[in-house]
Amino acid sequence: MGVIRTQDLLDHETVPHYWLTVYATDRGVVPLSSFVEVYIEVQDVNDNAPQTSEPVYYPSVMENSPKDVSIIQIEAFDPDTQSSEKLSYRITSGNPQGFFNINSKTGECLRV
């Protein structure tokens, strides 16, 4: 029986799958052999933090602007394949008066 083991950590974002060719040879006087193809899929896990398209955003808004004016669209992505569709957005500081709101699904920030 042949056992395939990894010698290092595998990373789905670097190499999502591997094709291996495994040869089996007997110890006969005239050795006989055969081979089999092995497809190994590296399953993705949530091991990467989401990233925004910009490190810092610098939007501006006119004073006395009406409510529900769109200020900015925050764009983020998650390198983990299963996580990008599950991103959510929220304002965590700097909004004590509640002047701004962010759509938790789209990342659009509004003046409220």
N, C-alpha and C. Protein backbone atom coordinates (compact mmCIF):
# COMPACT_ATOMS: atom_id res chain seq x y z
N MET A 1 0.85 -1.17 0.00
CA MET A 1 0.00 0.00 0.00
C MET A 1 0.89 1.23 0.00
N GLY A 2 0.57 2.18 -0.84
CA GLY A 2 1.30 3.45 -0.90
C GLY A 2 0.50 4.53 -0.21
N VAL A 3 1.16 5.35 0.56
CA VAL A 3 0.52 6.44 1.28
C VAL A 3 1.10 7.75 0.77
N ILE A 4 0.24 8.68 0.44
CA ILE A 4 0.69 10.00 0.01
C ILE A 4 0.53 10.94 1.19
N ARG A 5 1.62 11.63 1.53
CA ARG A 5 1.60 12.60 2.64
C ARG A 5 2.17 13.92 2.14
N THR A 6 1.78 14.98 2.80
CA THR A 6 2.34 16.29 2.46
C THR A 6 3.64 16.50 3.23
N GLN A 7 4.54 17.25 2.64
CA GLN A 7 5.79 17.59 3.32
C GLN A 7 5.78 19.02 3.82
N ASP A 8 4.76 19.78 3.44
CA ASP A 8 4.64 21.17 3.87
C ASP A 8 3.16 21.52 3.87
N LEU A 9 2.83 22.69 4.40
CA LEU A 9 1.44 23.15 4.41
C LEU A 9 0.98 23.44 2.99
N LEU A 10 -0.26 23.12 2.69
CA LEU A 10 -0.84 23.42 1.39
C LEU A 10 -1.72 24.66 1.52
N ASP A 11 -1.77 25.46 0.47
CA ASP A 11 -2.57 26.68 0.49
C ASP A 11 -3.42 26.74 -0.78
N HIS A 12 -4.73 26.69 -0.60
CA HIS A 12 -5.66 26.70 -1.72
C HIS A 12 -5.46 27.93 -2.62
N GLU A 13 -5.18 29.09 -2.01
CA GLU A 13 -5.02 30.32 -2.79
C GLU A 13 -3.75 30.29 -3.65
N THR A 14 -2.77 29.51 -3.28
CA THR A 14 -1.53 29.39 -4.05
C THR A 14 -1.65 28.31 -5.12
N VAL A 15 -2.04 27.10 -4.71
CA VAL A 15 -2.22 25.98 -5.63
C VAL A 15 -3.51 25.26 -5.21
N PRO A 16 -4.58 25.40 -5.99
CA PRO A 16 -5.86 24.81 -5.58
C PRO A 16 -5.98 23.30 -5.80
N HIS A 17 -5.10 22.75 -6.62
CA HIS A 17 -5.16 21.29 -6.85
C HIS A 17 -3.81 20.79 -7.39
N TYR A 18 -3.64 19.49 -7.30
CA TYR A 18 -2.43 18.83 -7.78
C TYR A 18 -2.81 17.59 -8.58
N TRP A 19 -2.06 17.32 -9.64
CA TRP A 19 -2.16 16.06 -10.38
C TRP A 19 -0.87 15.29 -10.11
N LEU A 20 -0.99 14.12 -9.55
CA LEU A 20 0.17 13.27 -9.28
C LEU A 20 0.10 12.02 -10.14
N THR A 21 1.24 11.53 -10.55
CA THR A 21 1.32 10.25 -11.21
C THR A 21 2.07 9.31 -10.27
N VAL A 22 1.44 8.22 -9.89
CA VAL A 22 2.03 7.27 -8.95
C VAL A 22 2.32 5.97 -9.69
N TYR A 23 3.59 5.52 -9.61
CA TYR A 23 3.99 4.26 -10.22
C TYR A 23 4.11 3.20 -9.13
N ALA A 24 3.63 2.02 -9.42
CA ALA A 24 3.80 0.87 -8.53
C ALA A 24 4.62 -0.16 -9.29
N THR A 25 5.72 -0.62 -8.66
CA THR A 25 6.60 -1.59 -9.28
C THR A 25 6.77 -2.77 -8.34
N ASP A 26 6.70 -4.00 -8.90
CA ASP A 26 6.92 -5.18 -8.05
C ASP A 26 8.41 -5.55 -8.07
N ARG A 27 8.76 -6.54 -7.30
CA ARG A 27 10.17 -6.94 -7.18
C ARG A 27 10.43 -8.26 -7.88
N GLY A 28 9.72 -8.50 -8.94
CA GLY A 28 9.91 -9.75 -9.68
C GLY A 28 11.24 -9.76 -10.41
N VAL A 29 11.62 -10.96 -10.92
CA VAL A 29 12.85 -11.09 -11.69
C VAL A 29 12.80 -10.11 -12.86
N VAL A 30 11.65 -10.06 -13.48
CA VAL A 30 11.39 -9.03 -14.48
C VAL A 30 10.35 -8.10 -13.85
N PRO A 31 10.77 -6.98 -13.31
CA PRO A 31 9.83 -6.11 -12.60
C PRO A 31 8.71 -5.64 -13.52
N LEU A 32 7.51 -5.68 -12.99
CA LEU A 32 6.35 -5.18 -13.70
C LEU A 32 5.86 -3.94 -12.96
N SER A 33 5.27 -3.03 -13.70
CA SER A 33 4.80 -1.81 -13.05
C SER A 33 3.52 -1.32 -13.72
N SER A 34 2.86 -0.47 -13.02
CA SER A 34 1.69 0.22 -13.55
C SER A 34 1.64 1.60 -12.89
N PHE A 35 0.80 2.44 -13.41
CA PHE A 35 0.70 3.77 -12.82
C PHE A 35 -0.76 4.17 -12.73
N VAL A 36 -1.00 5.14 -11.87
CA VAL A 36 -2.34 5.70 -11.69
C VAL A 36 -2.20 7.21 -11.53
N GLU A 37 -3.16 7.94 -12.05
CA GLU A 37 -3.21 9.39 -11.90
C GLU A 37 -4.03 9.70 -10.64
N VAL A 38 -3.53 10.62 -9.82
CA VAL A 38 -4.23 11.01 -8.59
C VAL A 38 -4.46 12.52 -8.65
N TYR A 39 -5.72 12.91 -8.54
CA TYR A 39 -6.09 14.33 -8.51
C TYR A 39 -6.40 14.70 -7.07
N ILE A 40 -5.66 15.66 -6.53
CA ILE A 40 -5.87 16.09 -5.15
C ILE A 40 -6.36 17.53 -5.17
N GLU A 41 -7.54 17.75 -4.63
CA GLU A 41 -8.11 19.08 -4.53
C GLU A 41 -7.84 19.62 -3.12
N VAL A 42 -7.25 20.80 -3.04
CA VAL A 42 -6.98 21.45 -1.76
C VAL A 42 -8.22 22.25 -1.40
N GLN A 43 -8.89 21.86 -0.33
CA GLN A 43 -10.11 22.54 0.08
C GLN A 43 -9.76 23.88 0.74
N ASP A 44 -10.55 24.88 0.41
CA ASP A 44 -10.32 26.22 0.94
C ASP A 44 -10.88 26.33 2.35
N VAL A 45 -10.15 27.02 3.22
CA VAL A 45 -10.63 27.33 4.56
C VAL A 45 -10.54 28.85 4.72
N ASN A 46 -11.24 29.37 5.69
CA ASN A 46 -11.26 30.81 5.94
C ASN A 46 -9.99 31.20 6.69
N ASP A 47 -8.89 31.39 5.94
CA ASP A 47 -7.60 31.71 6.56
C ASP A 47 -7.04 33.06 6.11
N ASN A 48 -7.83 33.84 5.38
CA ASN A 48 -7.39 35.16 4.92
C ASN A 48 -8.42 36.22 5.30
N ALA A 49 -7.95 37.36 5.77
CA ALA A 49 -8.83 38.47 6.12
C ALA A 49 -9.30 39.18 4.86
N PRO A 50 -10.51 39.74 4.88
CA PRO A 50 -10.96 40.54 3.73
C PRO A 50 -10.03 41.73 3.52
N GLN A 51 -9.95 42.17 2.28
CA GLN A 51 -9.12 43.32 1.93
C GLN A 51 -9.97 44.33 1.18
N THR A 52 -9.73 45.61 1.44
CA THR A 52 -10.44 46.65 0.71
C THR A 52 -9.64 47.05 -0.52
N SER A 53 -10.33 47.63 -1.50
CA SER A 53 -9.65 48.01 -2.73
C SER A 53 -8.70 49.18 -2.50
N GLU A 54 -8.91 49.97 -1.45
CA GLU A 54 -8.03 51.09 -1.09
C GLU A 54 -7.67 50.95 0.39
N PRO A 55 -6.43 51.31 0.77
CA PRO A 55 -6.08 51.22 2.19
C PRO A 55 -6.79 52.28 3.03
N VAL A 56 -7.05 53.46 2.45
CA VAL A 56 -7.76 54.55 3.12
C VAL A 56 -8.64 55.21 2.07
N TYR A 57 -9.87 55.55 2.45
CA TYR A 57 -10.78 56.25 1.54
C TYR A 57 -10.87 57.71 1.99
N TYR A 58 -10.95 58.65 1.04
CA TYR A 58 -11.05 60.07 1.33
C TYR A 58 -12.26 60.69 0.60
N PRO A 59 -13.47 60.28 0.96
CA PRO A 59 -14.63 60.90 0.30
C PRO A 59 -14.90 62.28 0.89
N SER A 60 -15.74 63.05 0.22
CA SER A 60 -16.18 64.34 0.77
C SER A 60 -17.67 64.46 0.54
N VAL A 61 -18.30 65.28 1.35
CA VAL A 61 -19.73 65.51 1.24
C VAL A 61 -19.98 67.00 1.49
N MET A 62 -20.88 67.58 0.74
CA MET A 62 -21.20 69.01 0.89
C MET A 62 -21.93 69.22 2.22
N GLU A 63 -21.60 70.32 2.90
CA GLU A 63 -22.34 70.63 4.12
C GLU A 63 -23.78 70.91 3.75
N ASN A 64 -24.67 70.66 4.67
CA ASN A 64 -26.11 70.82 4.47
C ASN A 64 -26.65 69.91 3.37
N SER A 65 -25.95 68.84 3.09
CA SER A 65 -26.44 67.91 2.07
C SER A 65 -27.68 67.20 2.61
N PRO A 66 -28.60 66.84 1.71
CA PRO A 66 -29.82 66.16 2.17
C PRO A 66 -29.52 64.77 2.71
N LYS A 67 -30.48 64.22 3.41
CA LYS A 67 -30.35 62.86 3.93
C LYS A 67 -30.29 61.87 2.77
N ASP A 68 -29.73 60.71 3.09
CA ASP A 68 -29.64 59.59 2.14
C ASP A 68 -28.79 59.89 0.91
N VAL A 69 -27.86 60.83 1.02
CA VAL A 69 -26.90 61.08 -0.05
C VAL A 69 -25.82 60.01 0.05
N SER A 70 -25.51 59.39 -1.07
CA SER A 70 -24.46 58.38 -1.10
C SER A 70 -23.11 59.08 -0.99
N ILE A 71 -22.31 58.65 -0.02
CA ILE A 71 -21.00 59.26 0.22
C ILE A 71 -19.90 58.47 -0.49
N ILE A 72 -19.94 57.17 -0.34
CA ILE A 72 -18.88 56.32 -0.89
C ILE A 72 -19.36 54.88 -0.96
N GLN A 73 -18.77 54.13 -1.85
CA GLN A 73 -19.02 52.69 -1.96
C GLN A 73 -17.73 51.99 -1.55
N ILE A 74 -17.74 51.33 -0.39
CA ILE A 74 -16.57 50.59 0.06
C ILE A 74 -16.55 49.26 -0.69
N GLU A 75 -15.41 48.92 -1.25
CA GLU A 75 -15.27 47.66 -1.98
C GLU A 75 -14.27 46.78 -1.26
N ALA A 76 -14.69 45.59 -0.92
CA ALA A 76 -13.81 44.63 -0.26
C ALA A 76 -13.95 43.28 -0.95
N PHE A 77 -12.93 42.47 -0.80
CA PHE A 77 -12.98 41.11 -1.30
C PHE A 77 -12.24 40.21 -0.32
N ASP A 78 -12.59 38.96 -0.34
CA ASP A 78 -11.95 37.98 0.53
C ASP A 78 -11.29 36.94 -0.36
N PRO A 79 -9.97 36.76 -0.23
CA PRO A 79 -9.29 35.77 -1.07
C PRO A 79 -9.81 34.35 -0.90
N ASP A 80 -10.46 34.07 0.23
CA ASP A 80 -11.04 32.74 0.44
C ASP A 80 -12.28 32.62 -0.43
N THR A 81 -12.33 31.60 -1.27
CA THR A 81 -13.39 31.49 -2.28
C THR A 81 -14.79 31.46 -1.69
N GLN A 82 -15.00 30.80 -0.58
CA GLN A 82 -16.34 30.70 -0.02
C GLN A 82 -16.74 31.94 0.79
N SER A 83 -15.80 32.81 1.13
CA SER A 83 -16.09 33.92 2.03
C SER A 83 -16.49 35.20 1.32
N SER A 84 -16.09 35.40 0.07
CA SER A 84 -16.37 36.67 -0.61
C SER A 84 -17.85 36.98 -0.67
N GLU A 85 -18.68 35.98 -0.86
CA GLU A 85 -20.11 36.23 -0.95
C GLU A 85 -20.74 36.47 0.42
N LYS A 86 -19.99 36.29 1.50
CA LYS A 86 -20.52 36.44 2.84
C LYS A 86 -20.00 37.68 3.56
N LEU A 87 -19.40 38.61 2.83
CA LEU A 87 -18.87 39.81 3.46
C LEU A 87 -20.01 40.67 4.00
N SER A 88 -19.76 41.31 5.13
CA SER A 88 -20.71 42.29 5.65
C SER A 88 -19.93 43.50 6.12
N TYR A 89 -20.57 44.65 6.08
CA TYR A 89 -19.94 45.92 6.41
C TYR A 89 -20.65 46.56 7.59
N ARG A 90 -19.87 47.27 8.45
CA ARG A 90 -20.46 48.05 9.53
C ARG A 90 -19.49 49.13 9.95
N ILE A 91 -20.02 50.22 10.44
CA ILE A 91 -19.20 51.31 10.97
C ILE A 91 -18.94 51.00 12.43
N THR A 92 -17.67 50.98 12.83
CA THR A 92 -17.34 50.60 14.20
C THR A 92 -16.90 51.76 15.07
N SER A 93 -16.55 52.91 14.47
CA SER A 93 -16.17 54.07 15.28
C SER A 93 -16.27 55.33 14.44
N GLY A 94 -16.22 56.49 15.13
CA GLY A 94 -16.21 57.78 14.46
C GLY A 94 -17.58 58.28 14.04
N ASN A 95 -18.64 57.65 14.51
CA ASN A 95 -19.99 58.03 14.10
C ASN A 95 -20.91 58.12 15.32
N PRO A 96 -20.48 58.83 16.41
CA PRO A 96 -21.30 58.82 17.63
C PRO A 96 -22.66 59.50 17.46
N GLN A 97 -22.77 60.48 16.55
CA GLN A 97 -24.07 61.14 16.34
C GLN A 97 -24.96 60.37 15.38
N GLY A 98 -24.44 59.35 14.74
CA GLY A 98 -25.23 58.55 13.81
C GLY A 98 -25.52 59.26 12.50
N PHE A 99 -24.61 60.14 12.06
CA PHE A 99 -24.82 60.87 10.80
C PHE A 99 -24.65 59.99 9.57
N PHE A 100 -23.97 58.86 9.74
CA PHE A 100 -23.66 58.00 8.60
C PHE A 100 -24.20 56.60 8.83
N ASN A 101 -24.54 55.95 7.74
CA ASN A 101 -25.02 54.57 7.77
C ASN A 101 -24.34 53.83 6.63
N ILE A 102 -24.03 52.57 6.84
CA ILE A 102 -23.45 51.76 5.77
C ILE A 102 -24.34 50.55 5.53
N ASN A 103 -24.59 50.27 4.28
CA ASN A 103 -25.37 49.09 3.94
C ASN A 103 -24.52 47.86 4.23
N SER A 104 -25.00 47.00 5.10
CA SER A 104 -24.19 45.86 5.56
C SER A 104 -23.88 44.88 4.43
N LYS A 105 -24.68 44.86 3.37
CA LYS A 105 -24.45 43.91 2.28
C LYS A 105 -23.65 44.51 1.12
N THR A 106 -23.86 45.79 0.83
CA THR A 106 -23.23 46.39 -0.36
C THR A 106 -22.02 47.25 -0.05
N GLY A 107 -21.90 47.76 1.18
CA GLY A 107 -20.79 48.65 1.54
C GLY A 107 -21.03 50.09 1.15
N GLU A 108 -22.24 50.43 0.71
CA GLU A 108 -22.53 51.82 0.35
C GLU A 108 -22.76 52.62 1.64
N CYS A 109 -22.05 53.75 1.76
CA CYS A 109 -22.16 54.60 2.94
C CYS A 109 -23.01 55.81 2.59
N LEU A 110 -24.01 56.09 3.45
CA LEU A 110 -24.95 57.18 3.22
C LEU A 110 -24.90 58.20 4.35
N ARG A 111 -25.24 59.44 4.03
CA ARG A 111 -25.48 60.47 5.04
C ARG A 111 -26.93 60.31 5.44
N VAL A 112 -27.18 60.07 6.72
CA VAL A 112 -28.57 59.88 7.18
C VAL A 112 -29.01 61.00 8.10
